[in-house]
C-alpha atoms as a PDB file:
ATOM      1  CA  UNK A   1     -50.606  56.919 -28.687  1.00  0.00           C
ATOM      2  CA  UNK A   2     -53.615  57.094 -30.954  1.00  0.00           C
ATOM      3  CA  UNK A   3     -57.106  57.745 -29.714  1.00  0.00           C
ATOM      4  CA  UNK A   4     -59.647  54.985 -29.864  1.00  0.00           C
ATOM      5  CA  UNK A   5     -63.367  54.734 -29.236  1.00  0.00           C
ATOM      6  CA  UNK A   6     -65.007  52.087 -27.097  1.00  0.00           C
ATOM      7  CA  UNK A   7     -68.470  51.515 -28.593  1.00  0.00           C
ATOM      8  CA  UNK A   8     -71.168  49.437 -26.855  1.00  0.00           C
ATOM      9  CA  UNK A   9     -74.564  48.409 -28.241  1.00  0.00           C
ATOM     10  CA  UNK A  10     -77.070  49.316 -25.516  1.00  0.00           C
ATOM     11  CA  UNK A  11     -80.398  49.164 -27.399  1.00  0.00           C
ATOM     12  CA  UNK A  12     -81.722  46.481 -29.704  1.00  0.00           C
ATOM     13  CA  UNK A  13     -81.699  47.019 -33.447  1.00  0.00           C
ATOM     14  CA  UNK A  14     -84.888  44.950 -33.893  1.00  0.00           C
ATOM     15  CA  UNK A  15     -87.384  46.969 -35.915  1.00  0.00           C
ATOM     16  CA  UNK A  16     -84.749  49.474 -37.049  1.00  0.00           C
ATOM     17  CA  UNK A  17     -84.119  50.280 -40.718  1.00  0.00           C
ATOM     18  CA  UNK A  18     -81.745  48.040 -42.640  1.00  0.00           C
ATOM     19  CA  UNK A  19     -79.296  50.929 -43.105  1.00  0.00           C
ATOM     20  CA  UNK A  20     -78.834  51.217 -39.331  1.00  0.00           C
ATOM     21  CA  UNK A  21     -78.391  47.448 -39.016  1.00  0.00           C
ATOM     22  CA  UNK A  22     -75.667  47.544 -41.659  1.00  0.00           C
ATOM     23  CA  UNK A  23     -73.864  50.339 -39.806  1.00  0.00           C
ATOM     24  CA  UNK A  24     -73.903  48.281 -36.590  1.00  0.00           C
ATOM     25  CA  UNK A  25     -72.648  45.186 -38.404  1.00  0.00           C
ATOM     26  CA  UNK A  26     -69.940  47.278 -40.036  1.00  0.00           C
ATOM     27  CA  UNK A  27     -68.713  48.311 -36.599  1.00  0.00           C
ATOM     28  CA  UNK A  28     -68.757  44.698 -35.410  1.00  0.00           C
ATOM     29  CA  UNK A  29     -71.763  45.023 -33.108  1.00  0.00           C
ATOM     30  CA  UNK A  30     -74.085  42.055 -33.534  1.00  0.00           C
ATOM     31  CA  UNK A  31     -75.432  41.421 -30.053  1.00  0.00           C
ATOM     32  CA  UNK A  32     -76.615  43.511 -27.148  1.00  0.00           C
ATOM     33  CA  UNK A  33     -74.029  44.745 -24.624  1.00  0.00           C
ATOM     34  CA  UNK A  34     -71.110  43.852 -26.883  1.00  0.00           C
ATOM     35  CA  UNK A  35     -68.223  46.295 -26.862  1.00  0.00           C
ATOM     36  CA  UNK A  36     -65.719  46.954 -29.626  1.00  0.00           C
ATOM     37  CA  UNK A  37     -62.694  49.244 -29.676  1.00  0.00           C
ATOM     38  CA  UNK A  38     -62.309  51.164 -32.931  1.00  0.00           C
ATOM     39  CA  UNK A  39     -59.883  53.781 -34.225  1.00  0.00           C
ATOM     40  CA  UNK A  40     -61.057  57.353 -33.755  1.00  0.00           C
ATOM     41  CA  UNK A  41     -61.517  58.400 -37.387  1.00  0.00           C
ATOM     42  CA  UNK A  42     -64.051  60.694 -39.050  1.00  0.00           C
ATOM     43  CA  UNK A  43     -65.587  57.641 -40.758  1.00  0.00           C
ATOM     44  CA  UNK A  44     -66.189  55.824 -37.475  1.00  0.00           C
ATOM     45  CA  UNK A  45     -67.536  59.008 -35.861  1.00  0.00           C
ATOM     46  CA  UNK A  46     -70.003  59.308 -38.755  1.00  0.00           C
ATOM     47  CA  UNK A  47     -71.126  55.711 -38.262  1.00  0.00           C
ATOM     48  CA  UNK A  48     -71.665  56.356 -34.562  1.00  0.00           C
ATOM     49  CA  UNK A  49     -73.671  59.484 -35.369  1.00  0.00           C
ATOM     50  CA  UNK A  50     -76.045  57.411 -37.539  1.00  0.00           C
ATOM     51  CA  UNK A  51     -76.857  55.058 -34.630  1.00  0.00           C
ATOM     52  CA  UNK A  52     -76.193  57.340 -31.643  1.00  0.00           C
ATOM     53  CA  UNK A  53     -79.587  56.373 -30.188  1.00  0.00           C
ATOM     54  CA  UNK A  54     -78.522  52.690 -30.026  1.00  0.00           C
ATOM     55  CA  UNK A  55     -74.924  52.882 -28.794  1.00  0.00           C
ATOM     56  CA  UNK A  56     -72.681  54.519 -26.242  1.00  0.00           C
ATOM     57  CA  UNK A  57     -69.203  55.668 -27.211  1.00  0.00           C
ATOM     58  CA  UNK A  58     -66.301  56.523 -24.899  1.00  0.00           C
ATOM     59  CA  UNK A  59     -62.862  57.827 -25.890  1.00  0.00           C
ATOM     60  CA  UNK A  60     -59.981  55.686 -24.630  1.00  0.00           C
ATOM     61  CA  UNK A  61     -56.229  55.894 -25.051  1.00  0.00           C
ATOM     62  CA  UNK A  62     -54.998  53.306 -27.506  1.00  0.00           C
ATOM     63  CA  UNK A  63     -52.371  50.813 -26.457  1.00  0.00           C
ATOM     64  CA  UNK A  64     -50.069  50.288 -29.425  1.00  0.00           C
ATOM     65  CA  UNK A  65     -49.416  46.814 -30.772  1.00  0.00           C
END
């Protein structure tokens, strides 16, 4: 089973730089308290690091499709 990350937007991106907004949109987070499950890759971890002050991330075991 592959590892996945459950990422939730917990703070608003209003007033934040456009680069941070683009990172959130790239992860699929457009509204507050939305949660997405993403693959645990170095690219996704880097995106989370850019907006760590706006999101929470939890490792979960991936259920294969």
